[in-house]
Amino acid sequence: MTSRRELALNLSLLLVSSALSLVGAFAFLVFYMPVNPTVYQLDERCLYRLIPGSVKVFRHMRVNGGSRVTVRINRAGFRGEELADRSLVRRIVVYGDSFIEAESSPLEETFCQRLDALLNRSLPGAPVEVVNAGVGGYGPDQVSLRLPDELRSLAPDLVIVAIYAGNDFGDLLRNKLYRLGADGRLLEQRAVLSRSLQGHLARSTEAERVDGGALRRLLTALYWETNPRQVEREAGLPDRGRHEGLVAWSLRASRYEYRNYVQRGDPEVVNLFGDYYDADMVVRPGSEAARWKASLMQQVVDRIGRTLAAQGTPLLLLVIPCAIDVCPNRHFRGVEQELAGKPRSTLTDELAGIAERCGIPCVNPFESFLAKSGSTHLYYRDPETHWNAAGQELAARLTAERIVDLGLLEPRPPS
């Protein structure tokens, strides 16, 4: 029989072995998987922005294959490789939201990388560099505030501003960075982030600090993995009733936002990442709220155009169609019934009209997306309804053709 002493020794060896294994696993996570659940930090002017040099891993849901995508932010604060020597390239900067940042897509499949490849094949002269200035959750209001400083530092030959038809009208109300004056003019105001959102973003920023950052990243990842509902509440995601249709839920949220911000003037920002469909623009286009949102969007787009015109930099507006409008039957149960009889192109047409009234050239790929969607999936499946590789390739091809047709990029000879 085994003596008590031998049992104690074996138990001690087992505990030591387990402890060493845990230490080894912890060391691997800390030093070989230096990733954070998010790559955003607080910003006084734009509410938040990407953390330069940060890394995260996006994990697809099972319905979209369950694969993982590593997202790397370069030293300048943009997704992708480090910026090239400005004197050697013709530079295009693309602003937009999560469709442009595209954290759900491998880098080589993103709109910006596809546009880069297409233009370098079709345009003679110096190489073209397409800079991905997209930030998940951004609206054109945040883009307008970033432009003055970044135009000086990036010195682009062309700027593309992508506006997502699905929810960017609503972003202007959620962000509370601008409002319309009594005379209809654009007024800039200082928004106030809720304490919940401040904590949500500060936790990410702390995790990226150099001193002890690896430990913070690990603890933050564990917290976010084990408390998904709390993270949703921190981020400001609105609750949806169990049996509530997507359009009905969006209408309810839109009414609340309009009352809260426009009618009551509440400056506190409680939602940065909980976007939803701009259903009021489609279902009730003549309502006071819909007209106000359209007017605010036009004023913001006009400000972007005037900022770039003052610098002599060409601007191209890209309207990104929403899956709800292009192919709802593939993604959203019951939406076709909720939107029965409503034109599918309402949101993209409104944005294209704004671009025309502001004198800005525009790419509106709605008809091409609608035609292509009959045979090809252009978006990830719900709830990950961002455009996939096919959608980004199609948009990049249409945008490249427009740039070439309009001569927006001068054929500067190689240095």
Protein backbone atom coordinates (compact mmCIF):
# COMPACT_ATOMS: atom_id res chain seq x y z
CA MET A 1 0.00 0.00 0.00
CA THR A 2 1.05 3.56 -0.69
CA SER A 3 2.13 5.35 2.47
CA ARG A 4 0.67 8.65 3.56
CA ARG A 5 4.02 10.24 2.93
CA GLU A 6 4.01 9.05 -0.69
CA LEU A 7 0.43 10.26 -1.14
CA ALA A 8 1.36 13.66 0.24
CA LEU A 9 4.39 13.80 -2.05
CA ASN A 10 2.34 12.87 -5.11
CA LEU A 11 -0.29 15.43 -4.22
CA SER A 12 2.36 18.10 -3.80
CA LEU A 13 3.87 17.24 -7.17
CA LEU A 14 0.42 17.43 -8.76
CA LEU A 15 -0.25 20.85 -7.24
CA VAL A 16 3.15 22.16 -8.32
CA SER A 17 2.67 20.77 -11.82
CA SER A 18 -0.79 22.37 -12.07
CA ALA A 19 0.53 25.68 -10.81
CA LEU A 20 3.35 25.65 -13.36
CA SER A 21 0.88 24.84 -16.12
CA LEU A 22 -1.30 27.77 -15.11
CA VAL A 23 1.72 30.07 -15.00
CA GLY A 24 2.76 28.85 -18.44
CA ALA A 25 -0.73 29.37 -19.86
CA PHE A 26 -0.89 32.83 -18.32
CA ALA A 27 2.52 33.72 -19.75
CA PHE A 28 1.41 32.54 -23.20
CA LEU A 29 -1.74 34.66 -23.05
CA VAL A 30 0.10 37.70 -21.82
CA PHE A 31 3.15 37.65 -24.06
CA TYR A 32 2.07 35.79 -27.20
CA MET A 33 -1.55 36.95 -27.49
CA PRO A 34 -1.22 40.70 -26.79
CA VAL A 35 -4.76 41.56 -27.84
CA ASN A 36 -7.53 43.63 -26.35
CA PRO A 37 -11.30 43.14 -26.77
CA THR A 38 -11.59 46.63 -28.25
CA VAL A 39 -9.26 49.21 -29.77
CA TYR A 40 -11.07 52.43 -28.88
CA GLN A 41 -10.14 55.20 -26.49
CA LEU A 42 -11.79 58.39 -25.27
CA ASP A 43 -11.34 61.52 -27.39
CA GLU A 44 -12.38 65.01 -26.30
CA ARG A 45 -13.32 66.19 -29.77
CA CYS A 46 -14.73 63.10 -31.50
CA LEU A 47 -15.92 61.20 -28.39
CA TYR A 48 -13.58 58.27 -29.15
CA ARG A 49 -10.99 57.08 -31.64
CA LEU A 50 -8.72 54.13 -32.39
CA ILE A 51 -5.74 53.46 -30.12
CA PRO A 52 -2.47 53.69 -32.13
CA GLY A 53 -0.52 50.42 -32.08
CA SER A 54 -3.37 48.38 -30.58
CA VAL A 55 -4.47 44.89 -31.61
CA LYS A 56 -7.74 43.01 -31.19
CA VAL A 57 -9.28 39.79 -32.42
CA PHE A 58 -12.77 39.80 -33.89
CA ARG A 59 -14.61 36.50 -33.65
CA HIS A 60 -17.37 35.71 -36.13
CA MET A 61 -20.51 34.00 -34.91
CA ARG A 62 -21.06 30.39 -35.92
CA VAL A 63 -23.60 31.35 -38.61
CA ASN A 64 -20.78 33.20 -40.38
CA GLY A 65 -18.18 30.47 -39.99
CA GLY A 66 -16.83 31.25 -36.52
CA SER A 67 -13.43 32.37 -37.83
CA ARG A 68 -11.22 34.94 -36.12
CA VAL A 69 -9.89 38.16 -37.64
CA THR A 70 -6.87 39.95 -36.19
CA VAL A 71 -7.26 43.73 -36.35
CA ARG A 72 -4.06 45.78 -36.11
CA ILE A 73 -3.98 49.55 -35.73
CA ASN A 74 -0.82 51.22 -37.00
CA ARG A 75 1.21 53.89 -35.22
CA ALA A 76 -0.76 56.68 -36.92
CA GLY A 77 -4.03 55.28 -35.55
CA PHE A 78 -5.43 53.67 -38.72
CA ARG A 79 -6.18 50.04 -39.49
CA GLY A 80 -3.55 48.47 -41.75
CA GLU A 81 0.14 48.70 -42.49
CA GLU A 82 2.27 51.69 -41.52
CA LEU A 83 1.86 54.71 -43.77
CA ALA A 84 4.17 55.08 -46.75
CA ASP A 85 6.57 57.96 -47.36
CA ARG A 86 4.19 60.70 -48.50
CA SER A 87 6.54 61.89 -51.23
CA LEU A 88 6.45 58.50 -52.97
CA VAL A 89 2.69 57.94 -53.26
CA ARG A 90 -0.63 59.45 -54.27
CA ARG A 91 -2.67 59.18 -51.10
CA ILE A 92 -6.40 58.57 -50.75
CA VAL A 93 -7.92 58.73 -47.26
CA VAL A 94 -11.21 56.89 -46.74
CA TYR A 95 -13.36 57.95 -43.79
CA GLY A 96 -16.36 56.04 -42.52
CA ASP A 97 -17.67 53.71 -39.85
CA SER A 98 -17.37 49.96 -39.21
CA PHE A 99 -18.02 49.21 -42.89
CA ILE A 100 -14.72 50.96 -43.68
CA GLU A 101 -12.70 49.90 -40.63
CA ALA A 102 -14.14 46.43 -41.37
CA GLU A 103 -12.93 44.57 -38.30
CA SER A 104 -15.03 41.56 -39.35
CA SER A 105 -12.97 41.16 -42.54
CA PRO A 106 -9.33 40.11 -43.05
CA LEU A 107 -7.29 43.12 -44.08
CA GLU A 108 -6.86 41.97 -47.67
CA GLU A 109 -10.66 41.72 -48.15
CA THR A 110 -11.49 45.22 -46.90
CA PHE A 111 -12.88 47.93 -49.17
CA CYS A 112 -9.76 50.06 -48.75
CA GLN A 113 -7.35 47.27 -49.69
CA ARG A 114 -9.45 46.27 -52.70
CA LEU A 115 -9.64 49.89 -53.87
CA ASP A 116 -5.87 50.19 -53.41
CA ALA A 117 -5.25 47.13 -55.59
CA LEU A 118 -7.71 48.18 -58.31
CA LEU A 119 -6.35 51.72 -58.64
CA ASN A 120 -2.73 50.61 -58.71
CA ARG A 121 -3.62 48.29 -61.60
CA SER A 122 -5.57 50.88 -63.57
CA LEU A 123 -3.79 54.19 -62.97
CA PRO A 124 -0.36 55.02 -64.40
CA GLY A 125 2.16 57.07 -62.48
CA ALA A 126 3.15 57.02 -58.83
CA PRO A 127 1.76 54.24 -56.60
CA VAL A 128 -1.59 54.83 -54.91
CA GLU A 129 -1.90 54.44 -51.12
CA VAL A 130 -5.40 54.06 -49.70
CA VAL A 131 -5.51 54.90 -45.98
CA ASN A 132 -8.27 53.25 -43.96
CA ALA A 133 -9.55 56.01 -41.67
CA GLY A 134 -12.71 54.14 -40.74
CA VAL A 135 -13.75 53.85 -37.09
CA GLY A 136 -16.51 51.52 -35.97
CA GLY A 137 -19.65 53.40 -34.95
CA TYR A 138 -18.57 56.74 -36.45
CA GLY A 139 -20.99 59.11 -38.12
CA PRO A 140 -20.11 61.82 -40.65
CA ASP A 141 -20.25 64.35 -37.80
CA GLN A 142 -17.18 62.79 -36.20
CA VAL A 143 -15.47 62.70 -39.59
CA SER A 144 -16.09 66.42 -40.04
CA LEU A 145 -14.39 67.17 -36.72
CA ARG A 146 -11.33 65.04 -37.52
CA LEU A 147 -10.76 66.46 -40.98
CA PRO A 148 -9.05 69.83 -40.26
CA ASP A 149 -6.18 68.32 -38.27
CA GLU A 150 -5.76 65.19 -40.38
CA LEU A 151 -5.78 67.05 -43.69
CA ARG A 152 -2.64 68.82 -42.54
CA SER A 153 -0.87 65.69 -41.33
CA LEU A 154 -1.97 63.27 -44.07
CA ALA A 155 -1.99 65.69 -47.03
CA PRO A 156 -4.28 63.48 -49.16
CA ASP A 157 -4.72 63.81 -52.92
CA LEU A 158 -8.31 62.63 -52.55
CA VAL A 159 -10.71 62.07 -49.66
CA ILE A 160 -13.56 59.56 -49.76
CA VAL A 161 -16.25 59.87 -47.11
CA ALA A 162 -18.42 56.77 -46.79
CA ILE A 163 -21.87 57.21 -45.26
CA TYR A 164 -23.85 54.14 -44.27
CA ALA A 165 -27.47 54.48 -45.35
CA GLY A 166 -28.71 52.12 -42.63
CA ASN A 167 -28.07 54.21 -39.52
CA ASP A 168 -25.85 57.24 -40.08
CA PHE A 169 -28.80 59.66 -39.96
CA GLY A 170 -29.47 58.40 -36.45
CA ASP A 171 -25.79 58.64 -35.50
CA LEU A 172 -26.09 62.41 -35.73
CA LEU A 173 -28.68 62.35 -32.93
CA ARG A 174 -26.85 59.76 -30.82
CA ASN A 175 -23.50 61.57 -30.96
CA LYS A 176 -24.95 65.02 -30.11
CA LEU A 177 -22.02 66.86 -31.65
CA TYR A 178 -24.16 69.16 -33.80
CA ARG A 179 -27.65 70.56 -33.81
CA LEU A 180 -29.61 72.94 -36.05
CA GLY A 181 -30.14 76.52 -35.01
CA ALA A 182 -33.42 78.38 -35.37
CA ASP A 183 -32.26 79.55 -38.80
CA GLY A 184 -31.38 76.01 -39.89
CA ARG A 185 -27.63 76.52 -39.65
CA LEU A 186 -25.27 73.97 -38.17
CA LEU A 187 -24.25 74.57 -34.57
CA GLU A 188 -21.38 72.68 -32.98
CA GLN A 189 -21.81 71.70 -29.35
CA ARG A 190 -19.84 69.86 -26.73
CA ALA A 191 -21.40 66.46 -26.01
CA VAL A 192 -21.09 64.79 -22.61
CA LEU A 193 -20.40 61.06 -22.42
CA SER A 194 -22.38 59.16 -19.81
CA ARG A 195 -20.39 57.70 -16.92
CA SER A 196 -21.18 54.21 -18.22
CA LEU A 197 -19.65 54.94 -21.63
CA GLN A 198 -16.67 56.69 -20.08
CA GLY A 199 -15.98 53.58 -17.99
CA HIS A 200 -16.46 51.31 -21.01
CA LEU A 201 -13.89 53.21 -23.09
CA ALA A 202 -11.52 53.94 -20.20
CA ARG A 203 -11.29 50.22 -19.46
CA SER A 204 -10.03 49.62 -22.98
CA THR A 205 -7.58 52.51 -22.83
CA GLU A 206 -6.15 51.29 -19.52
CA ALA A 207 -5.70 47.82 -20.96
CA GLU A 208 -3.51 49.22 -23.74
CA ARG A 209 -1.09 51.03 -21.42
CA VAL A 210 2.53 49.89 -21.70
CA ASP A 211 3.07 49.50 -17.97
CA GLY A 212 1.30 46.33 -17.03
CA GLY A 213 -0.75 46.46 -20.23
CA ALA A 214 -0.55 42.73 -20.90
CA LEU A 215 -2.14 41.91 -17.55
CA ARG A 216 -4.83 44.53 -18.05
CA ARG A 217 -5.56 43.18 -21.54
CA LEU A 218 -5.99 39.69 -20.17
CA LEU A 219 -8.24 40.76 -17.29
CA THR A 220 -10.29 42.99 -19.59
CA ALA A 221 -10.72 40.17 -22.10
CA LEU A 222 -11.86 37.82 -19.35
CA TYR A 223 -14.30 40.41 -17.99
CA TRP A 224 -15.82 41.11 -21.39
CA GLU A 225 -16.02 37.41 -22.26
CA THR A 226 -17.82 36.48 -19.05
CA ASN A 227 -20.10 39.55 -18.76
CA PRO A 228 -21.52 40.11 -22.26
CA ARG A 229 -24.82 41.65 -21.13
CA GLN A 230 -23.07 44.09 -18.80
CA VAL A 231 -20.72 45.09 -21.63
CA GLU A 232 -23.75 45.69 -23.87
CA ARG A 233 -25.28 47.95 -21.22
CA GLU A 234 -22.01 49.86 -20.81
CA ALA A 235 -21.79 50.38 -24.57
CA GLY A 236 -25.34 51.73 -24.68
CA LEU A 237 -26.99 49.01 -26.75
CA PRO A 238 -30.77 49.54 -26.58
CA ASP A 239 -33.04 46.74 -25.39
CA ARG A 240 -35.33 45.10 -27.90
CA GLY A 241 -38.56 43.37 -26.97
CA ARG A 242 -38.58 39.62 -27.41
CA HIS A 243 -41.32 39.65 -30.04
CA GLU A 244 -40.75 43.18 -31.31
CA GLY A 245 -40.10 43.54 -35.04
CA LEU A 246 -36.84 45.20 -36.08
CA VAL A 247 -38.61 48.10 -37.78
CA ALA A 248 -40.98 48.65 -34.82
CA TRP A 249 -38.03 48.58 -32.41
CA SER A 250 -36.09 51.05 -34.60
CA LEU A 251 -39.08 53.41 -34.76
CA ARG A 252 -39.44 53.33 -31.00
CA ALA A 253 -35.74 54.04 -30.48
CA SER A 254 -35.79 56.84 -33.07
CA ARG A 255 -38.74 58.55 -31.39
CA TYR A 256 -36.98 58.42 -28.04
CA GLU A 257 -33.77 59.89 -29.48
CA TYR A 258 -35.60 62.75 -31.18
CA ARG A 259 -37.56 63.68 -28.05
CA ASN A 260 -34.50 63.36 -25.84
CA TYR A 261 -32.07 65.40 -27.93
CA VAL A 262 -33.99 67.70 -30.25
CA GLN A 263 -37.05 68.53 -28.16
CA ARG A 264 -35.55 68.34 -24.66
CA GLY A 265 -31.96 69.28 -25.49
CA ASP A 266 -30.31 66.57 -23.36
CA PRO A 267 -26.53 66.73 -24.13
CA GLU A 268 -25.60 63.41 -22.47
CA VAL A 269 -24.44 60.70 -24.90
CA VAL A 270 -25.65 57.30 -23.71
CA ASN A 271 -25.20 55.22 -26.86
CA LEU A 272 -22.21 55.10 -29.23
CA PHE A 273 -22.30 51.54 -30.54
CA GLY A 274 -25.98 50.55 -30.44
CA ASP A 275 -27.00 51.56 -33.95
CA TYR A 276 -30.32 50.59 -35.48
CA TYR A 277 -32.13 51.06 -38.77
CA ASP A 278 -33.28 54.59 -39.65
CA ALA A 279 -36.81 53.32 -40.05
CA ASP A 280 -38.46 56.71 -39.51
CA MET A 281 -36.74 58.02 -42.66
CA VAL A 282 -38.35 55.17 -44.64
CA VAL A 283 -41.72 54.65 -42.95
CA ARG A 284 -42.45 58.29 -42.07
CA PRO A 285 -40.33 60.39 -44.43
CA GLY A 286 -42.55 63.45 -44.00
CA SER A 287 -42.41 63.46 -40.20
CA GLU A 288 -40.79 66.27 -38.27
CA ALA A 289 -38.04 63.96 -37.02
CA ALA A 290 -37.21 62.60 -40.48
CA ARG A 291 -37.04 66.09 -42.00
CA TRP A 292 -34.84 67.30 -39.13
CA LYS A 293 -32.43 64.39 -39.54
CA ALA A 294 -32.21 64.93 -43.30
CA SER A 295 -31.52 68.65 -42.81
CA LEU A 296 -28.85 67.96 -40.20
CA MET A 297 -27.18 65.40 -42.48
CA GLN A 298 -27.10 67.89 -45.35
CA GLN A 299 -25.51 70.54 -43.17
CA VAL A 300 -22.84 68.10 -41.93
CA VAL A 301 -22.05 66.88 -45.47
CA ASP A 302 -21.88 70.48 -46.67
CA ARG A 303 -19.42 71.30 -43.86
CA ILE A 304 -17.23 68.38 -44.93
CA GLY A 305 -17.34 69.59 -48.53
CA ARG A 306 -16.45 73.16 -47.61
CA THR A 307 -13.58 72.02 -45.38
CA LEU A 308 -12.02 70.05 -48.22
CA ALA A 309 -12.70 72.73 -50.83
CA ALA A 310 -10.84 75.26 -48.68
CA GLN A 311 -7.79 72.95 -48.83
CA GLY A 312 -8.19 72.29 -52.55
CA THR A 313 -8.66 68.55 -51.91
CA PRO A 314 -11.15 66.62 -54.06
CA LEU A 315 -13.97 64.80 -52.26
CA LEU A 316 -15.98 61.75 -53.27
CA LEU A 317 -19.00 60.60 -51.27
CA LEU A 318 -19.66 56.85 -51.08
CA VAL A 319 -23.16 55.76 -50.05
CA ILE A 320 -23.12 52.28 -48.49
CA PRO A 321 -26.43 50.41 -48.94
CA CYS A 322 -28.02 48.62 -46.01
CA ALA A 323 -28.77 44.88 -46.10
CA ILE A 324 -32.28 45.62 -44.86
CA ASP A 325 -32.91 47.51 -48.10
CA VAL A 326 -30.93 45.29 -50.48
CA CYS A 327 -31.78 41.75 -49.38
CA PRO A 328 -33.90 41.67 -46.19
CA ASN A 329 -35.23 38.15 -46.81
CA ARG A 330 -31.72 36.75 -46.31
CA HIS A 331 -31.12 38.45 -43.00
CA PHE A 332 -34.12 39.80 -41.11
CA ARG A 333 -37.21 37.82 -40.29
CA GLY A 334 -40.40 39.80 -40.79
CA VAL A 335 -38.78 42.99 -42.11
CA GLU A 336 -40.22 42.66 -45.61
CA GLN A 337 -43.71 42.58 -44.12
CA GLU A 338 -42.98 45.58 -41.89
CA LEU A 339 -41.71 47.57 -44.88
CA ALA A 340 -44.29 46.34 -47.38
CA GLY A 341 -44.92 48.92 -50.10
CA LYS A 342 -42.04 51.18 -49.03
CA PRO A 343 -39.34 52.00 -51.63
CA ARG A 344 -36.13 50.11 -50.89
CA SER A 345 -33.86 52.91 -52.06
CA THR A 346 -35.26 55.69 -49.83
CA LEU A 347 -32.17 56.06 -47.63
CA THR A 348 -29.56 55.80 -50.39
CA ASP A 349 -31.59 58.17 -52.60
CA GLU A 350 -31.75 60.72 -49.79
CA LEU A 351 -27.97 60.64 -49.34
CA ALA A 352 -27.34 60.82 -53.09
CA GLY A 353 -29.68 63.82 -53.24
CA ILE A 354 -27.79 65.52 -50.42
CA ALA A 355 -24.51 65.00 -52.27
CA GLU A 356 -26.00 66.51 -55.42
CA ARG A 357 -27.36 69.54 -53.57
CA CYS A 358 -23.94 70.06 -51.96
CA GLY A 359 -22.17 69.75 -55.32
CA ILE A 360 -20.19 66.67 -54.28
CA PRO A 361 -19.63 63.73 -56.68
CA CYS A 362 -21.14 60.53 -55.34
CA VAL A 363 -21.00 56.76 -55.74
CA ASN A 364 -24.40 55.21 -55.03
CA PRO A 365 -24.05 51.45 -55.61
CA PHE A 366 -27.60 50.58 -54.54
CA GLU A 367 -28.85 49.37 -57.93
CA SER A 368 -25.69 47.30 -58.50
CA PHE A 369 -26.01 45.74 -55.04
CA LEU A 370 -29.70 45.03 -55.57
CA ALA A 371 -29.06 43.33 -58.92
CA LYS A 372 -26.09 41.35 -57.63
CA SER A 373 -27.79 40.21 -54.43
CA GLY A 374 -30.04 37.86 -56.36
CA SER A 375 -27.11 35.55 -57.05
CA THR A 376 -24.42 36.52 -54.54
CA HIS A 377 -24.26 37.10 -50.79
CA LEU A 378 -22.89 40.62 -50.26
CA TYR A 379 -23.30 40.80 -46.47
CA TYR A 380 -22.54 38.56 -43.51
CA ARG A 381 -25.62 36.92 -42.08
CA ASP A 382 -27.64 38.53 -39.30
CA PRO A 383 -26.67 39.78 -36.76
CA GLU A 384 -23.33 40.48 -38.45
CA THR A 385 -24.77 42.40 -41.37
CA HIS A 386 -21.68 44.27 -42.53
CA TRP A 387 -20.65 43.74 -46.12
CA ASN A 388 -18.50 40.68 -46.77
CA ALA A 389 -15.63 40.24 -49.25
CA ALA A 390 -17.98 40.20 -52.26
CA GLY A 391 -19.76 43.36 -51.15
CA GLN A 392 -16.52 45.22 -50.55
CA GLU A 393 -15.08 44.08 -53.89
CA LEU A 394 -18.16 45.33 -55.76
CA ALA A 395 -18.14 48.70 -53.98
CA ALA A 396 -14.39 49.10 -54.54
CA ARG A 397 -14.75 48.37 -58.26
CA LEU A 398 -17.57 50.91 -58.68
CA THR A 399 -15.61 53.51 -56.69
CA ALA A 400 -12.41 52.93 -58.68
CA GLU A 401 -14.34 53.36 -61.94
CA ARG A 402 -15.82 56.62 -60.68
CA ILE A 403 -12.42 57.97 -59.63
CA VAL A 404 -10.96 57.17 -63.04
CA ASP A 405 -13.95 58.53 -64.97
CA LEU A 406 -13.92 61.83 -63.07
CA GLY A 407 -10.12 62.15 -63.12
CA LEU A 408 -10.05 62.70 -59.36
CA LEU A 409 -6.50 61.43 -58.94
CA GLU A 410 -3.87 63.29 -60.90
CA PRO A 411 -1.44 61.01 -62.80
CA ARG A 412 1.61 62.34 -60.96
CA PRO A 413 4.80 60.65 -62.30
CA PRO A 414 6.81 58.37 -59.99
CA SER A 415 9.47 60.11 -57.89
